[in-house]
Amino acid sequence: METRADMTDSGRGKKSCLQGRLPLQVEVAWAAACYAALLALCALCYSNSLQGEFVHDDVWAIVNNPDVRPGSSLRNIFSNDFWGKRMADNTSHKSYRPLCILTFK
């Protein structure tokens, strides 16, 4: 009688595990098709929002933010808060999100 270690060493355990698998190219193609379908579904779901207007605080965060305007220094993005005010300012919200601001630029 073979032990579990003997089955693994002889390859029988591995062979039965791999028996029902598809060829690698088919698996890759299937995964790519699934990702493409997911991407298309996401694009379809969000496509009608591209023509929408700014809502809530978007005007203040994007349109009126001096750090987002062309010609502003990139240094300001990393030293100002989310709303474009100096972090040391008393009226600063102290919300530091430079990567978010970079996406608006």
PDB file of N, CA and C in Angstrom:
ATOM      1  N   MET A   1       0.840  -1.181   0.000  1.00  0.00           N
ATOM      2  CA  MET A   1       0.000   0.000   0.000  1.00  0.00           C
ATOM      3  C   MET A   1       0.887   1.247   0.000  1.00  0.00           C
ATOM      4  N   GLU A   2       0.606   2.186  -0.911  1.00  0.00           N
ATOM      5  CA  GLU A   2       1.404   3.407  -1.009  1.00  0.00           C
ATOM      6  C   GLU A   2       0.905   4.433  -0.003  1.00  0.00           C
ATOM      7  N   THR A   3       1.850   5.178   0.521  1.00  0.00           N
ATOM      8  CA  THR A   3       1.477   6.266   1.424  1.00  0.00           C
ATOM      9  C   THR A   3       1.226   7.508   0.592  1.00  0.00           C
ATOM     10  N   ARG A   4       0.745   8.515   1.263  1.00  0.00           N
ATOM     11  CA  ARG A   4       0.473   9.786   0.578  1.00  0.00           C
ATOM     12  C   ARG A   4       1.751  10.368  -0.027  1.00  0.00           C
ATOM     13  N   ALA A   5       2.854  10.275   0.678  1.00  0.00           N
ATOM     14  CA  ALA A   5       4.133  10.790   0.186  1.00  0.00           C
ATOM     15  C   ALA A   5       4.566  10.039  -1.067  1.00  0.00           C
ATOM     16  N   ASP A   6       4.327   8.703  -1.087  1.00  0.00           N
ATOM     17  CA  ASP A   6       4.696   7.927  -2.264  1.00  0.00           C
ATOM     18  C   ASP A   6       3.905   8.360  -3.488  1.00  0.00           C
ATOM     19  N   MET A   7       2.613   8.660  -3.311  1.00  0.00           N
ATOM     20  CA  MET A   7       1.778   9.096  -4.433  1.00  0.00           C
ATOM     21  C   MET A   7       2.266  10.424  -4.992  1.00  0.00           C
ATOM     22  N   THR A   8       2.641  11.323  -4.086  1.00  0.00           N
ATOM     23  CA  THR A   8       3.126  12.626  -4.527  1.00  0.00           C
ATOM     24  C   THR A   8       4.460  12.477  -5.238  1.00  0.00           C
ATOM     25  N   ASP A   9       5.332  11.653  -4.683  1.00  0.00           N
ATOM     26  CA  ASP A   9       6.648  11.463  -5.286  1.00  0.00           C
ATOM     27  C   ASP A   9       6.545  10.779  -6.644  1.00  0.00           C
ATOM     28  N   SER A  10       5.637   9.846  -6.788  1.00  0.00           N
ATOM     29  CA  SER A  10       5.527   9.129  -8.059  1.00  0.00           C
ATOM     30  C   SER A  10       4.809   9.947  -9.122  1.00  0.00           C
ATOM     31  N   GLY A  11       4.107  10.993  -8.703  1.00  0.00           N
ATOM     32  CA  GLY A  11       3.439  11.837  -9.670  1.00  0.00           C
ATOM     33  C   GLY A  11       1.986  11.493  -9.866  1.00  0.00           C
ATOM     34  N   ARG A  12       1.494  10.423  -9.253  1.00  0.00           N
ATOM     35  CA  ARG A  12       0.094  10.052  -9.426  1.00  0.00           C
ATOM     36  C   ARG A  12      -0.851  11.105  -8.872  1.00  0.00           C
ATOM     37  N   GLY A  13      -0.518  11.657  -7.725  1.00  0.00           N
ATOM     38  CA  GLY A  13      -1.370  12.679  -7.112  1.00  0.00           C
ATOM     39  C   GLY A  13      -1.450  13.923  -7.983  1.00  0.00           C
ATOM     40  N   LYS A  14      -0.336  14.304  -8.549  1.00  0.00           N
ATOM     41  CA  LYS A  14      -0.302  15.498  -9.405  1.00  0.00           C
ATOM     42  C   LYS A  14      -1.018  15.246 -10.727  1.00  0.00           C
ATOM     43  N   LYS A  15      -0.865  14.056 -11.265  1.00  0.00           N
ATOM     44  CA  LYS A  15      -1.455  13.748 -12.554  1.00  0.00           C
ATOM     45  C   LYS A  15      -2.980  13.813 -12.497  1.00  0.00           C
ATOM     46  N   SER A  16      -3.566  13.286 -11.427  1.00  0.00           N
ATOM     47  CA  SER A  16      -5.014  13.312 -11.318  1.00  0.00           C
ATOM     48  C   SER A  16      -5.534  14.725 -11.125  1.00  0.00           C
ATOM     49  N   CYS A  17      -4.734  15.555 -10.506  1.00  0.00           N
ATOM     50  CA  CYS A  17      -5.136  16.953 -10.292  1.00  0.00           C
ATOM     51  C   CYS A  17      -5.136  17.732 -11.601  1.00  0.00           C
ATOM     52  N   LEU A  18      -4.205  17.442 -12.492  1.00  0.00           N
ATOM     53  CA  LEU A  18      -4.066  18.182 -13.742  1.00  0.00           C
ATOM     54  C   LEU A  18      -4.899  17.603 -14.877  1.00  0.00           C
ATOM     55  N   GLN A  19      -5.536  16.463 -14.649  1.00  0.00           N
ATOM     56  CA  GLN A  19      -6.220  15.762 -15.722  1.00  0.00           C
ATOM     57  C   GLN A  19      -7.353  16.577 -16.344  1.00  0.00           C
ATOM     58  N   GLY A  20      -8.145  17.305 -15.571  1.00  0.00           N
ATOM     59  CA  GLY A  20      -9.288  18.013 -16.100  1.00  0.00           C
ATOM     60  C   GLY A  20      -9.009  19.442 -16.530  1.00  0.00           C
ATOM     61  N   ARG A  21      -7.769  19.853 -16.583  1.00  0.00           N
ATOM     62  CA  ARG A  21      -7.431  21.235 -16.937  1.00  0.00           C
ATOM     63  C   ARG A  21      -7.369  21.445 -18.435  1.00  0.00           C
ATOM     64  N   LEU A  22      -7.656  22.665 -18.841  1.00  0.00           N
ATOM     65  CA  LEU A  22      -7.566  23.043 -20.249  1.00  0.00           C
ATOM     66  C   LEU A  22      -6.121  23.393 -20.587  1.00  0.00           C
ATOM     67  N   PRO A  23      -5.770  23.392 -21.853  1.00  0.00           N
ATOM     68  CA  PRO A  23      -4.424  23.841 -22.237  1.00  0.00           C
ATOM     69  C   PRO A  23      -4.206  25.304 -21.820  1.00  0.00           C
ATOM     70  N   LEU A  24      -2.972  25.644 -21.594  1.00  0.00           N
ATOM     71  CA  LEU A  24      -2.631  26.977 -21.079  1.00  0.00           C
ATOM     72  C   LEU A  24      -3.125  28.092 -21.999  1.00  0.00           C
ATOM     73  N   GLN A  25      -2.991  27.947 -23.297  1.00  0.00           N
ATOM     74  CA  GLN A  25      -3.434  28.990 -24.229  1.00  0.00           C
ATOM     75  C   GLN A  25      -4.941  29.221 -24.105  1.00  0.00           C
ATOM     76  N   VAL A  26      -5.704  28.154 -23.917  1.00  0.00           N
ATOM     77  CA  VAL A  26      -7.155  28.282 -23.787  1.00  0.00           C
ATOM     78  C   VAL A  26      -7.493  28.998 -22.480  1.00  0.00           C
ATOM     79  N   GLU A  27      -6.778  28.653 -21.403  1.00  0.00           N
ATOM     80  CA  GLU A  27      -7.018  29.318 -20.122  1.00  0.00           C
ATOM     81  C   GLU A  27      -6.693  30.805 -20.205  1.00  0.00           C
ATOM     82  N   VAL A  28      -5.596  31.148 -20.853  1.00  0.00           N
ATOM     83  CA  VAL A  28      -5.207  32.552 -21.010  1.00  0.00           C
ATOM     84  C   VAL A  28      -6.234  33.296 -21.858  1.00  0.00           C
ATOM     85  N   ALA A  29      -6.682  32.682 -22.931  1.00  0.00           N
ATOM     86  CA  ALA A  29      -7.683  33.308 -23.797  1.00  0.00           C
ATOM     87  C   ALA A  29      -8.997  33.498 -23.040  1.00  0.00           C
ATOM     88  N   TRP A  30      -9.396  32.518 -22.241  1.00  0.00           N
ATOM     89  CA  TRP A  30     -10.621  32.616 -21.454  1.00  0.00           C
ATOM     90  C   TRP A  30     -10.512  33.739 -20.425  1.00  0.00           C
ATOM     91  N   ALA A  31      -9.373  33.833 -19.748  1.00  0.00           N
ATOM     92  CA  ALA A  31      -9.163  34.893 -18.759  1.00  0.00           C
ATOM     93  C   ALA A  31      -9.186  36.262 -19.439  1.00  0.00           C
ATOM     94  N   ALA A  32      -8.557  36.385 -20.593  1.00  0.00           N
ATOM     95  CA  ALA A  32      -8.552  37.652 -21.322  1.00  0.00           C
ATOM     96  C   ALA A  32      -9.965  38.036 -21.756  1.00  0.00           C
ATOM     97  N   ALA A  33     -10.741  37.060 -22.194  1.00  0.00           N
ATOM     98  CA  ALA A  33     -12.125  37.338 -22.596  1.00  0.00           C
ATOM     99  C   ALA A  33     -12.967  37.777 -21.402  1.00  0.00           C
ATOM    100  N   CYS A  34     -12.751  37.155 -20.260  1.00  0.00           N
ATOM    101  CA  CYS A  34     -13.488  37.544 -19.043  1.00  0.00           C
ATOM    102  C   CYS A  34     -13.137  38.967 -18.626  1.00  0.00           C
ATOM    103  N   TYR A  35     -11.853  39.309 -18.658  1.00  0.00           N
ATOM    104  CA  TYR A  35     -11.430  40.674 -18.307  1.00  0.00           C
ATOM    105  C   TYR A  35     -11.974  41.695 -19.307  1.00  0.00           C
ATOM    106  N   ALA A  36     -11.981  41.338 -20.582  1.00  0.00           N
ATOM    107  CA  ALA A  36     -12.514  42.245 -21.600  1.00  0.00           C
ATOM    108  C   ALA A  36     -14.011  42.459 -21.408  1.00  0.00           C
ATOM    109  N   ALA A  37     -14.728  41.403 -21.074  1.00  0.00           N
ATOM    110  CA  ALA A  37     -16.171  41.528 -20.823  1.00  0.00           C
ATOM    111  C   ALA A  37     -16.431  42.387 -19.587  1.00  0.00           C
ATOM    112  N   LEU A  38     -15.639  42.206 -18.543  1.00  0.00           N
ATOM    113  CA  LEU A  38     -15.776  43.011 -17.336  1.00  0.00           C
ATOM    114  C   LEU A  38     -15.477  44.477 -17.621  1.00  0.00           C
ATOM    115  N   LEU A  39     -14.444  44.751 -18.395  1.00  0.00           N
ATOM    116  CA  LEU A  39     -14.101  46.121 -18.770  1.00  0.00           C
ATOM    117  C   LEU A  39     -15.226  46.758 -19.584  1.00  0.00           C
ATOM    118  N   ALA A  40     -15.781  46.019 -20.529  1.00  0.00           N
ATOM    119  CA  ALA A  40     -16.881  46.539 -21.353  1.00  0.00           C
ATOM    120  C   ALA A  40     -18.117  46.815 -20.498  1.00  0.00           C
ATOM    121  N   LEU A  41     -18.409  45.946 -19.546  1.00  0.00           N
ATOM    122  CA  LEU A  41     -19.552  46.144 -18.655  1.00  0.00           C
ATOM    123  C   LEU A  41     -19.361  47.383 -17.787  1.00  0.00           C
ATOM    124  N   CYS A  42     -18.160  47.567 -17.253  1.00  0.00           N
ATOM    125  CA  CYS A  42     -17.871  48.758 -16.440  1.00  0.00           C
ATOM    126  C   CYS A  42     -17.979  50.029 -17.280  1.00  0.00           C
ATOM    127  N   ALA A  43     -17.438  49.994 -18.486  1.00  0.00           N
ATOM    128  CA  ALA A  43     -17.514  51.171 -19.361  1.00  0.00           C
ATOM    129  C   ALA A  43     -18.963  51.491 -19.704  1.00  0.00           C
ATOM    130  N   LEU A  44     -19.760  50.470 -19.935  1.00  0.00           N
ATOM    131  CA  LEU A  44     -21.168  50.676 -20.238  1.00  0.00           C
ATOM    132  C   LEU A  44     -21.908  51.290 -19.046  1.00  0.00           C
ATOM    133  N   CYS A  45     -21.611  50.812 -17.858  1.00  0.00           N
ATOM    134  CA  CYS A  45     -22.289  51.319 -16.653  1.00  0.00           C
ATOM    135  C   CYS A  45     -21.969  52.791 -16.385  1.00  0.00           C
ATOM    136  N   TYR A  46     -20.740  53.196 -16.636  1.00  0.00           N
ATOM    137  CA  TYR A  46     -20.325  54.555 -16.307  1.00  0.00           C
ATOM    138  C   TYR A  46     -20.336  55.516 -17.495  1.00  0.00           C
ATOM    139  N   SER A  47     -20.678  55.047 -18.688  1.00  0.00           N
ATOM    140  CA  SER A  47     -20.594  55.890 -19.880  1.00  0.00           C
ATOM    141  C   SER A  47     -21.548  57.084 -19.837  1.00  0.00           C
ATOM    142  N   ASN A  48     -22.711  56.923 -19.233  1.00  0.00           N
ATOM    143  CA  ASN A  48     -23.642  58.054 -19.213  1.00  0.00           C
ATOM    144  C   ASN A  48     -23.229  59.134 -18.215  1.00  0.00           C
ATOM    145  N   SER A  49     -22.288  58.857 -17.348  1.00  0.00           N
ATOM    146  CA  SER A  49     -21.844  59.864 -16.384  1.00  0.00           C
ATOM    147  C   SER A  49     -20.820  60.831 -16.989  1.00  0.00           C
ATOM    148  N   LEU A  50     -20.264  60.511 -18.148  1.00  0.00           N
ATOM    149  CA  LEU A  50     -19.243  61.360 -18.746  1.00  0.00           C
ATOM    150  C   LEU A  50     -19.802  62.701 -19.223  1.00  0.00           C
ATOM    151  N   GLN A  51     -21.078  62.751 -19.536  1.00  0.00           N
ATOM    152  CA  GLN A  51     -21.702  63.993 -19.998  1.00  0.00           C
ATOM    153  C   GLN A  51     -22.329  64.780 -18.853  1.00  0.00           C
ATOM    154  N   GLY A  52     -22.206  64.277 -17.642  1.00  0.00           N
ATOM    155  CA  GLY A  52     -22.830  64.919 -16.490  1.00  0.00           C
ATOM    156  C   GLY A  52     -22.113  66.194 -16.061  1.00  0.00           C
ATOM    157  N   GLU A  53     -22.781  66.955 -15.224  1.00  0.00           N
ATOM    158  CA  GLU A  53     -22.218  68.194 -14.689  1.00  0.00           C
ATOM    159  C   GLU A  53     -21.549  67.917 -13.357  1.00  0.00           C
ATOM    160  N   PHE A  54     -20.791  68.909 -12.879  1.00  0.00           N
ATOM    161  CA  PHE A  54     -20.204  68.801 -11.560  1.00  0.00           C
ATOM    162  C   PHE A  54     -21.307  68.875 -10.515  1.00  0.00           C
ATOM    163  N   VAL A  55     -21.152  68.140  -9.435  1.00  0.00           N
ATOM    164  CA  VAL A  55     -22.143  68.140  -8.356  1.00  0.00           C
ATOM    165  C   VAL A  55     -21.450  68.395  -7.017  1.00  0.00           C
ATOM    166  N   HIS A  56     -22.243  68.767  -6.048  1.00  0.00           N
ATOM    167  CA  HIS A  56     -21.821  68.988  -4.666  1.00  0.00           C
ATOM    168  C   HIS A  56     -20.602  69.919  -4.593  1.00  0.00           C
ATOM    169  N   ASP A  57     -19.475  69.401  -4.155  1.00  0.00           N
ATOM    170  CA  ASP A  57     -18.300  70.250  -3.958  1.00  0.00           C
ATOM    171  C   ASP A  57     -17.307  70.188  -5.120  1.00  0.00           C
ATOM    172  N   ASP A  58     -17.705  69.604  -6.251  1.00  0.00           N
ATOM    173  CA  ASP A  58     -16.792  69.476  -7.393  1.00  0.00           C
ATOM    174  C   ASP A  58     -16.321  70.831  -7.913  1.00  0.00           C
ATOM    175  N   VAL A  59     -17.208  71.814  -7.907  1.00  0.00           N
ATOM    176  CA  VAL A  59     -16.831  73.143  -8.415  1.00  0.00           C
ATOM    177  C   VAL A  59     -15.697  73.712  -7.573  1.00  0.00           C
ATOM    178  N   TRP A  60     -15.815  73.577  -6.253  1.00  0.00           N
ATOM    179  CA  TRP A  60     -14.766  74.123  -5.378  1.00  0.00           C
ATOM    180  C   TRP A  60     -13.500  73.278  -5.434  1.00  0.00           C
ATOM    181  N   ALA A  61     -13.624  71.981  -5.579  1.00  0.00           N
ATOM    182  CA  ALA A  61     -12.449  71.106  -5.589  1.00  0.00           C
ATOM    183  C   ALA A  61     -11.702  71.124  -6.915  1.00  0.00           C
ATOM    184  N   ILE A  62     -12.416  71.388  -8.013  1.00  0.00           N
ATOM    185  CA  ILE A  62     -11.776  71.305  -9.330  1.00  0.00           C
ATOM    186  C   ILE A  62     -11.703  72.664 -10.018  1.00  0.00           C
ATOM    187  N   VAL A  63     -12.835  73.311 -10.198  1.00  0.00           N
ATOM    188  CA  VAL A  63     -12.868  74.557 -10.972  1.00  0.00           C
ATOM    189  C   VAL A  63     -12.202  75.706 -10.214  1.00  0.00           C
ATOM    190  N   ASN A  64     -12.528  75.862  -8.939  1.00  0.00           N
ATOM    191  CA  ASN A  64     -12.009  76.993  -8.167  1.00  0.00           C
ATOM    192  C   ASN A  64     -10.703  76.690  -7.438  1.00  0.00           C
ATOM    193  N   ASN A  65     -10.162  75.516  -7.578  1.00  0.00           N
ATOM    194  CA  ASN A  65      -8.929  75.140  -6.897  1.00  0.00           C
ATOM    195  C   ASN A  65      -7.731  75.697  -7.665  1.00  0.00           C
ATOM    196  N   PRO A  66      -6.940  76.579  -7.049  1.00  0.00           N
ATOM    197  CA  PRO A  66      -5.798  77.168  -7.761  1.00  0.00           C
ATOM    198  C   PRO A  66      -4.718  76.148  -8.112  1.00  0.00           C
ATOM    199  N   ASP A  67      -4.643  75.036  -7.401  1.00  0.00           N
ATOM    200  CA  ASP A  67      -3.622  74.027  -7.693  1.00  0.00           C
ATOM    201  C   ASP A  67      -3.934  73.232  -8.961  1.00  0.00           C
ATOM    202  N   VAL A  68      -5.174  73.244  -9.402  1.00  0.00           N
ATOM    203  CA  VAL A  68      -5.580  72.480 -10.575  1.00  0.00           C
ATOM    204  C   VAL A  68      -5.408  73.294 -11.853  1.00  0.00           C
ATOM    205  N   ARG A  69      -5.413  74.571 -11.735  1.00  0.00           N
ATOM    206  CA  ARG A  69      -5.324  75.443 -12.919  1.00  0.00           C
ATOM    207  C   ARG A  69      -3.989  75.281 -13.651  1.00  0.00           C
ATOM    208  N   PRO A  70      -4.018  75.468 -14.966  1.00  0.00           N
ATOM    209  CA  PRO A  70      -2.768  75.390 -15.738  1.00  0.00           C
ATOM    210  C   PRO A  70      -1.785  76.467 -15.274  1.00  0.00           C
ATOM    211  N   GLY A  71      -0.537  76.114 -15.252  1.00  0.00           N
ATOM    212  CA  GLY A  71       0.487  77.060 -14.849  1.00  0.00           C
ATOM    213  C   GLY A  71       0.799  77.037 -13.367  1.00  0.00           C
ATOM    214  N   SER A  72      -0.002  76.338 -12.579  1.00  0.00           N
ATOM    215  CA  SER A  72       0.304  76.262 -11.147  1.00  0.00           C
ATOM    216  C   SER A  72       1.445  75.277 -10.928  1.00  0.00           C
ATOM    217  N   SER A  73       2.209  75.525  -9.895  1.00  0.00           N
ATOM    218  CA  SER A  73       3.378  74.709  -9.599  1.00  0.00           C
ATOM    219  C   SER A  73       2.974  73.351  -9.025  1.00  0.00           C
ATOM    220  N   LEU A  74       3.685  72.312  -9.428  1.00  0.00           N
ATOM    221  CA  LEU A  74       3.431  70.993  -8.859  1.00  0.00           C
ATOM    222  C   LEU A  74       3.788  70.959  -7.372  1.00  0.00           C
ATOM    223  N   ARG A  75       4.706  71.816  -6.966  1.00  0.00           N
ATOM    224  CA  ARG A  75       5.094  71.890  -5.558  1.00  0.00           C
ATOM    225  C   ARG A  75       3.887  72.265  -4.687  1.00  0.00           C
ATOM    226  N   ASN A  76       3.019  73.127  -5.215  1.00  0.00           N
ATOM    227  CA  ASN A  76       1.842  73.533  -4.445  1.00  0.00           C
ATOM    228  C   ASN A  76       0.919  72.361  -4.145  1.00  0.00           C
ATOM    229  N   ILE A  77       0.824  71.428  -5.065  1.00  0.00           N
ATOM    230  CA  ILE A  77      -0.049  70.269  -4.852  1.00  0.00           C
ATOM    231  C   ILE A  77       0.393  69.484  -3.621  1.00  0.00           C
ATOM    232  N   PHE A  78       1.699  69.419  -3.408  1.00  0.00           N
ATOM    233  CA  PHE A  78       2.217  68.636  -2.290  1.00  0.00           C
ATOM    234  C   PHE A  78       2.338  69.442  -1.002  1.00  0.00           C
ATOM    235  N   SER A  79       2.106  70.743  -1.060  1.00  0.00           N
ATOM    236  CA  SER A  79       2.182  71.551   0.161  1.00  0.00           C
ATOM    237  C   SER A  79       0.837  72.152   0.557  1.00  0.00           C
ATOM    238  N   ASN A  80      -0.162  72.058  -0.313  1.00  0.00           N
ATOM    239  CA  ASN A  80      -1.488  72.597  -0.015  1.00  0.00           C
ATOM    240  C   ASN A  80      -2.465  71.474   0.296  1.00  0.00           C
ATOM    241  N   ASP A  81      -3.605  71.846   0.874  1.00  0.00           N
ATOM    242  CA  ASP A  81      -4.637  70.851   1.151  1.00  0.00           C
ATOM    243  C   ASP A  81      -5.450  70.562  -0.112  1.00  0.00           C
ATOM    244  N   PHE A  82      -6.480  69.769   0.020  1.00  0.00           N
ATOM    245  CA  PHE A  82      -7.317  69.355  -1.107  1.00  0.00           C
ATOM    246  C   PHE A  82      -7.974  70.537  -1.809  1.00  0.00           C
ATOM    247  N   TRP A  83      -8.244  71.591  -1.078  1.00  0.00           N
ATOM    248  CA  TRP A  83      -8.963  72.746  -1.616  1.00  0.00           C
ATOM    249  C   TRP A  83      -8.033  73.831  -2.149  1.00  0.00           C
ATOM    250  N   GLY A  84      -6.717  73.615  -2.086  1.00  0.00           N
ATOM    251  CA  GLY A  84      -5.760  74.574  -2.630  1.00  0.00           C
ATOM    252  C   GLY A  84      -5.274  75.603  -1.628  1.00  0.00           C
ATOM    253  N   LYS A  85      -5.570  75.417  -0.353  1.00  0.00           N
ATOM    254  CA  LYS A  85      -5.104  76.349   0.677  1.00  0.00           C
ATOM    255  C   LYS A  85      -3.858  75.790   1.338  1.00  0.00           C
ATOM    256  N   ARG A  86      -3.011  76.678   1.824  1.00  0.00           N
ATOM    257  CA  ARG A  86      -1.796  76.261   2.522  1.00  0.00           C
ATOM    258  C   ARG A  86      -2.186  75.440   3.753  1.00  0.00           C
ATOM    259  N   MET A  87      -1.466  74.389   4.023  1.00  0.00           N
ATOM    260  CA  MET A  87      -1.777  73.538   5.174  1.00  0.00           C
ATOM    261  C   MET A  87      -1.643  74.302   6.489  1.00  0.00           C
ATOM    262  N   ALA A  88      -0.749  75.275   6.542  1.00  0.00           N
ATOM    263  CA  ALA A  88      -0.539  76.041   7.766  1.00  0.00           C
ATOM    264  C   ALA A  88      -1.614  77.109   7.988  1.00  0.00           C
ATOM    265  N   ASP A  89      -2.434  77.367   6.974  1.00  0.00           N
ATOM    266  CA  ASP A  89      -3.479  78.385   7.079  1.00  0.00           C
ATOM    267  C   ASP A  89      -4.560  77.941   8.065  1.00  0.00           C
ATOM    268  N   ASN A  90      -5.072  78.904   8.855  1.00  0.00           N
ATOM    269  CA  ASN A  90      -6.119  78.593   9.826  1.00  0.00           C
ATOM    270  C   ASN A  90      -7.413  78.130   9.160  1.00  0.00           C
ATOM    271  N   THR A  91      -7.675  78.573   7.944  1.00  0.00           N
ATOM    272  CA  THR A  91      -8.905  78.189   7.246  1.00  0.00           C
ATOM    273  C   THR A  91      -8.738  76.901   6.433  1.00  0.00           C
ATOM    274  N   SER A  92      -7.553  76.287   6.488  1.00  0.00           N
ATOM    275  CA  SER A  92      -7.306  75.038   5.761  1.00  0.00           C
ATOM    276  C   SER A  92      -8.143  73.915   6.356  1.00  0.00           C
ATOM    277  N   HIS A  93      -8.646  73.075   5.490  1.00  0.00           N
ATOM    278  CA  HIS A  93      -9.443  71.927   5.906  1.00  0.00           C
ATOM    279  C   HIS A  93      -8.552  70.809   6.419  1.00  0.00           C
ATOM    280  N   LYS A  94      -7.256  70.884   6.141  1.00  0.00           N
ATOM    281  CA  LYS A  94      -6.230  69.896   6.518  1.00  0.00           C
ATOM    282  C   LYS A  94      -6.458  68.528   5.871  1.00  0.00           C
ATOM    283  N   SER A  95      -7.133  68.513   4.735  1.00  0.00           N
ATOM    284  CA  SER A  95      -7.326  67.260   4.002  1.00  0.00           C
ATOM    285  C   SER A  95      -6.268  67.180   2.906  1.00  0.00           C
ATOM    286  N   TYR A  96      -5.261  66.369   3.117  1.00  0.00           N
ATOM    287  CA  TYR A  96      -4.106  66.271   2.241  1.00  0.00           C
ATOM    288  C   TYR A  96      -4.302  65.106   1.277  1.00  0.00           C
ATOM    289  N   ARG A  97      -4.587  65.415  -0.015  1.00  0.00           N
ATOM    290  CA  ARG A  97      -4.802  64.381  -1.033  1.00  0.00           C
ATOM    291  C   ARG A  97      -4.118  64.772  -2.348  1.00  0.00           C
ATOM    292  N   PRO A  98      -2.793  64.774  -2.375  1.00  0.00           N
ATOM    293  CA  PRO A  98      -2.092  65.231  -3.583  1.00  0.00           C
ATOM    294  C   PRO A  98      -2.314  64.353  -4.811  1.00  0.00           C
ATOM    295  N   LEU A  99      -2.430  63.052  -4.651  1.00  0.00           N
ATOM    296  CA  LEU A  99      -2.629  62.191  -5.818  1.00  0.00           C
ATOM    297  C   LEU A  99      -3.988  62.436  -6.454  1.00  0.00           C
ATOM    298  N   CYS A 100      -4.978  62.707  -5.650  1.00  0.00           N
ATOM    299  CA  CYS A 100      -6.306  63.040  -6.173  1.00  0.00           C
ATOM    300  C   CYS A 100      -6.253  64.337  -6.976  1.00  0.00           C
ATOM    301  N   ILE A 101      -5.571  65.340  -6.444  1.00  0.00           N
ATOM    302  CA  ILE A 101      -5.432  66.625  -7.144  1.00  0.00           C
ATOM    303  C   ILE A 101      -4.677  66.440  -8.452  1.00  0.00           C
ATOM    304  N   LEU A 102      -3.672  65.573  -8.460  1.00  0.00           N
ATOM    305  CA  LEU A 102      -2.934  65.319  -9.709  1.00  0.00           C
ATOM    306  C   LEU A 102      -3.848  64.754 -10.794  1.00  0.00           C
ATOM    307  N   THR A 103      -4.855  63.977 -10.427  1.00  0.00           N
ATOM    308  CA  THR A 103      -5.768  63.450 -11.437  1.00  0.00           C
ATOM    309  C   THR A 103      -6.669  64.526 -12.013  1.00  0.00           C
ATOM    310  N   PHE A 104      -6.883  65.619 -11.281  1.00  0.00           N
ATOM    311  CA  PHE A 104      -7.682  66.723 -11.784  1.00  0.00           C
ATOM    312  C   PHE A 104      -6.898  67.609 -12.733  1.00  0.00           C
ATOM    313  N   LYS A 105      -5.593  67.594 -12.616  1.00  0.00           N
ATOM    314  CA  LYS A 105      -4.723  68.504 -13.367  1.00  0.00           C
ATOM    315  C   LYS A 105      -4.665  68.127 -14.786  1.00  0.00           C
TER     316      LYS A 105
END
